[in-house]
């Protein structure tokens, strides 16, 4: 018998006192996204290091994993990313739909 991962975010997992900061960090993260690439189990996001700092990304991850424990996070940094960060979010089947809702693809001009 195989167990399926539960893809449900627990919105109450982040305390009321931390929720305001969480929303600030989500807005920073969304504003820092300069590119999005699909990977088999999720997405990789290119982030502008002038728009968000590494400590802010780590702080967001710490809060995000409280409400979405099914996500896997990876951060990398290299000059190949034009000096930015690469944040990879992945998880079990169905996670892309959740990520599409939270971090939609940029609209084409």
C-alpha atoms as a PDB file:
ATOM      1  CA  UNK A   1       0.000   0.000   0.000  1.00  0.00           C
ATOM      2  CA  UNK A   2       1.467   3.355  -1.039  1.00  0.00           C
ATOM      3  CA  UNK A   3       0.778   6.513   0.899  1.00  0.00           C
ATOM      4  CA  UNK A   4       0.090   9.689  -1.033  1.00  0.00           C
ATOM      5  CA  UNK A   5       1.470  12.941   0.262  1.00  0.00           C
ATOM      6  CA  UNK A   6      -1.175  15.307   1.540  1.00  0.00           C
ATOM      7  CA  UNK A   7      -1.126  18.557  -0.425  1.00  0.00           C
ATOM      8  CA  UNK A   8      -2.908  20.832   1.975  1.00  0.00           C
ATOM      9  CA  UNK A   9      -1.609  24.087   3.354  1.00  0.00           C
ATOM     10  CA  UNK A  10      -2.335  24.757   7.009  1.00  0.00           C
ATOM     11  CA  UNK A  11      -3.041  28.472   7.100  1.00  0.00           C
ATOM     12  CA  UNK A  12      -3.182  28.458  10.900  1.00  0.00           C
ATOM     13  CA  UNK A  13       0.325  26.988  11.214  1.00  0.00           C
ATOM     14  CA  UNK A  14       1.797  30.499  11.051  1.00  0.00           C
ATOM     15  CA  UNK A  15       0.963  32.395  14.203  1.00  0.00           C
ATOM     16  CA  UNK A  16      -1.066  35.581  14.041  1.00  0.00           C
ATOM     17  CA  UNK A  17       1.986  37.543  15.172  1.00  0.00           C
ATOM     18  CA  UNK A  18       4.134  36.087  12.354  1.00  0.00           C
ATOM     19  CA  UNK A  19       1.473  36.358   9.634  1.00  0.00           C
ATOM     20  CA  UNK A  20       2.151  40.037   8.894  1.00  0.00           C
ATOM     21  CA  UNK A  21       5.860  39.366   8.402  1.00  0.00           C
ATOM     22  CA  UNK A  22       5.041  36.315   6.296  1.00  0.00           C
ATOM     23  CA  UNK A  23       2.894  38.440   3.955  1.00  0.00           C
ATOM     24  CA  UNK A  24       5.717  41.009   3.673  1.00  0.00           C
ATOM     25  CA  UNK A  25       8.183  38.265   2.748  1.00  0.00           C
ATOM     26  CA  UNK A  26       5.804  36.727   0.171  1.00  0.00           C
ATOM     27  CA  UNK A  27       5.432  40.143  -1.461  1.00  0.00           C
ATOM     28  CA  UNK A  28       9.216  40.629  -1.485  1.00  0.00           C
ATOM     29  CA  UNK A  29       9.682  37.191  -3.006  1.00  0.00           C
ATOM     30  CA  UNK A  30       7.054  37.746  -5.702  1.00  0.00           C
ATOM     31  CA  UNK A  31       8.603  41.119  -6.535  1.00  0.00           C
ATOM     32  CA  UNK A  32      12.075  39.584  -6.809  1.00  0.00           C
ATOM     33  CA  UNK A  33      11.105  36.895  -9.339  1.00  0.00           C
ATOM     34  CA  UNK A  34      12.780  37.550 -12.683  1.00  0.00           C
ATOM     35  CA  UNK A  35      12.200  34.159 -14.261  1.00  0.00           C
ATOM     36  CA  UNK A  36      10.461  30.852 -13.746  1.00  0.00           C
ATOM     37  CA  UNK A  37      11.490  27.474 -15.167  1.00  0.00           C
ATOM     38  CA  UNK A  38       9.472  24.312 -14.944  1.00  0.00           C
ATOM     39  CA  UNK A  39      11.178  21.221 -13.548  1.00  0.00           C
ATOM     40  CA  UNK A  40       9.630  17.743 -13.284  1.00  0.00           C
ATOM     41  CA  UNK A  41       8.470  18.155  -9.662  1.00  0.00           C
ATOM     42  CA  UNK A  42       7.957  21.940  -9.429  1.00  0.00           C
ATOM     43  CA  UNK A  43       9.584  25.197 -10.507  1.00  0.00           C
ATOM     44  CA  UNK A  44      12.868  27.068 -10.245  1.00  0.00           C
ATOM     45  CA  UNK A  45      12.645  30.823  -9.798  1.00  0.00           C
ATOM     46  CA  UNK A  46      15.407  33.284 -10.637  1.00  0.00           C
ATOM     47  CA  UNK A  47      15.422  35.987  -7.965  1.00  0.00           C
ATOM     48  CA  UNK A  48      16.959  39.454  -8.127  1.00  0.00           C
ATOM     49  CA  UNK A  49      19.369  39.747  -5.209  1.00  0.00           C
ATOM     50  CA  UNK A  50      18.771  43.514  -5.128  1.00  0.00           C
ATOM     51  CA  UNK A  51      15.065  42.906  -4.452  1.00  0.00           C
ATOM     52  CA  UNK A  52      15.403  40.240  -1.726  1.00  0.00           C
ATOM     53  CA  UNK A  53      18.248  39.137   0.517  1.00  0.00           C
ATOM     54  CA  UNK A  54      19.353  35.618   1.335  1.00  0.00           C
ATOM     55  CA  UNK A  55      18.318  36.034   5.009  1.00  0.00           C
ATOM     56  CA  UNK A  56      14.846  37.132   3.843  1.00  0.00           C
ATOM     57  CA  UNK A  57      14.556  34.065   1.593  1.00  0.00           C
ATOM     58  CA  UNK A  58      15.585  31.824   4.489  1.00  0.00           C
ATOM     59  CA  UNK A  59      13.100  33.542   6.809  1.00  0.00           C
ATOM     60  CA  UNK A  60      10.317  32.992   4.247  1.00  0.00           C
ATOM     61  CA  UNK A  61      11.282  29.320   3.887  1.00  0.00           C
ATOM     62  CA  UNK A  62      11.154  28.882   7.672  1.00  0.00           C
ATOM     63  CA  UNK A  63       7.598  30.206   7.768  1.00  0.00           C
ATOM     64  CA  UNK A  64       6.464  28.546   4.534  1.00  0.00           C
ATOM     65  CA  UNK A  65       7.482  25.094   5.675  1.00  0.00           C
ATOM     66  CA  UNK A  66       5.195  25.508   8.697  1.00  0.00           C
ATOM     67  CA  UNK A  67       2.102  25.807   6.510  1.00  0.00           C
ATOM     68  CA  UNK A  68       3.277  23.722   3.526  1.00  0.00           C
ATOM     69  CA  UNK A  69       5.425  20.872   4.889  1.00  0.00           C
ATOM     70  CA  UNK A  70       5.139  18.941   1.607  1.00  0.00           C
ATOM     71  CA  UNK A  71       7.397  21.452  -0.215  1.00  0.00           C
ATOM     72  CA  UNK A  72      11.094  20.897  -0.768  1.00  0.00           C
ATOM     73  CA  UNK A  73      13.242  24.049  -0.954  1.00  0.00           C
ATOM     74  CA  UNK A  74      16.658  24.598  -2.533  1.00  0.00           C
ATOM     75  CA  UNK A  75      18.553  27.886  -2.860  1.00  0.00           C
ATOM     76  CA  UNK A  76      21.637  28.404  -4.975  1.00  0.00           C
ATOM     77  CA  UNK A  77      23.627  31.399  -6.059  1.00  0.00           C
ATOM     78  CA  UNK A  78      26.034  31.836  -8.899  1.00  0.00           C
ATOM     79  CA  UNK A  79      27.224  34.347 -11.425  1.00  0.00           C
ATOM     80  CA  UNK A  80      25.393  32.217 -13.988  1.00  0.00           C
ATOM     81  CA  UNK A  81      22.149  33.582 -12.533  1.00  0.00           C
ATOM     82  CA  UNK A  82      23.359  37.121 -13.310  1.00  0.00           C
ATOM     83  CA  UNK A  83      24.396  37.393  -9.697  1.00  0.00           C
ATOM     84  CA  UNK A  84      20.932  36.420  -8.473  1.00  0.00           C
ATOM     85  CA  UNK A  85      19.567  33.523  -6.517  1.00  0.00           C
ATOM     86  CA  UNK A  86      17.886  30.414  -7.816  1.00  0.00           C
ATOM     87  CA  UNK A  87      15.059  29.186  -5.585  1.00  0.00           C
ATOM     88  CA  UNK A  88      13.715  25.748  -6.427  1.00  0.00           C
ATOM     89  CA  UNK A  89      10.381  24.641  -4.991  1.00  0.00           C
ATOM     90  CA  UNK A  90       9.338  21.059  -5.550  1.00  0.00           C
ATOM     91  CA  UNK A  91       7.207  18.341  -4.066  1.00  0.00           C
ATOM     92  CA  UNK A  92       4.921  15.416  -4.784  1.00  0.00           C
ATOM     93  CA  UNK A  93       2.500  15.112  -7.693  1.00  0.00           C
ATOM     94  CA  UNK A  94       0.043  17.998  -7.703  1.00  0.00           C
ATOM     95  CA  UNK A  95       2.406  20.567  -6.206  1.00  0.00           C
ATOM     96  CA  UNK A  96       2.679  22.538  -9.459  1.00  0.00           C
ATOM     97  CA  UNK A  97      -0.966  23.577  -9.253  1.00  0.00           C
ATOM     98  CA  UNK A  98      -0.353  25.052  -5.797  1.00  0.00           C
ATOM     99  CA  UNK A  99       2.807  26.836  -6.972  1.00  0.00           C
ATOM    100  CA  UNK A 100       0.994  28.151 -10.067  1.00  0.00           C
ATOM    101  CA  UNK A 101      -1.569  29.726  -7.775  1.00  0.00           C
ATOM    102  CA  UNK A 102       0.998  31.290  -5.437  1.00  0.00           C
ATOM    103  CA  UNK A 103       3.629  32.256  -8.024  1.00  0.00           C
ATOM    104  CA  UNK A 104       1.944  32.532 -11.449  1.00  0.00           C
ATOM    105  CA  UNK A 105       3.972  32.671 -14.615  1.00  0.00           C
ATOM    106  CA  UNK A 106       4.722  36.219 -15.788  1.00  0.00           C
ATOM    107  CA  UNK A 107       2.294  37.523 -18.406  1.00  0.00           C
ATOM    108  CA  UNK A 108       3.723  37.910 -21.894  1.00  0.00           C
ATOM    109  CA  UNK A 109       3.762  41.476 -23.199  1.00  0.00           C
END
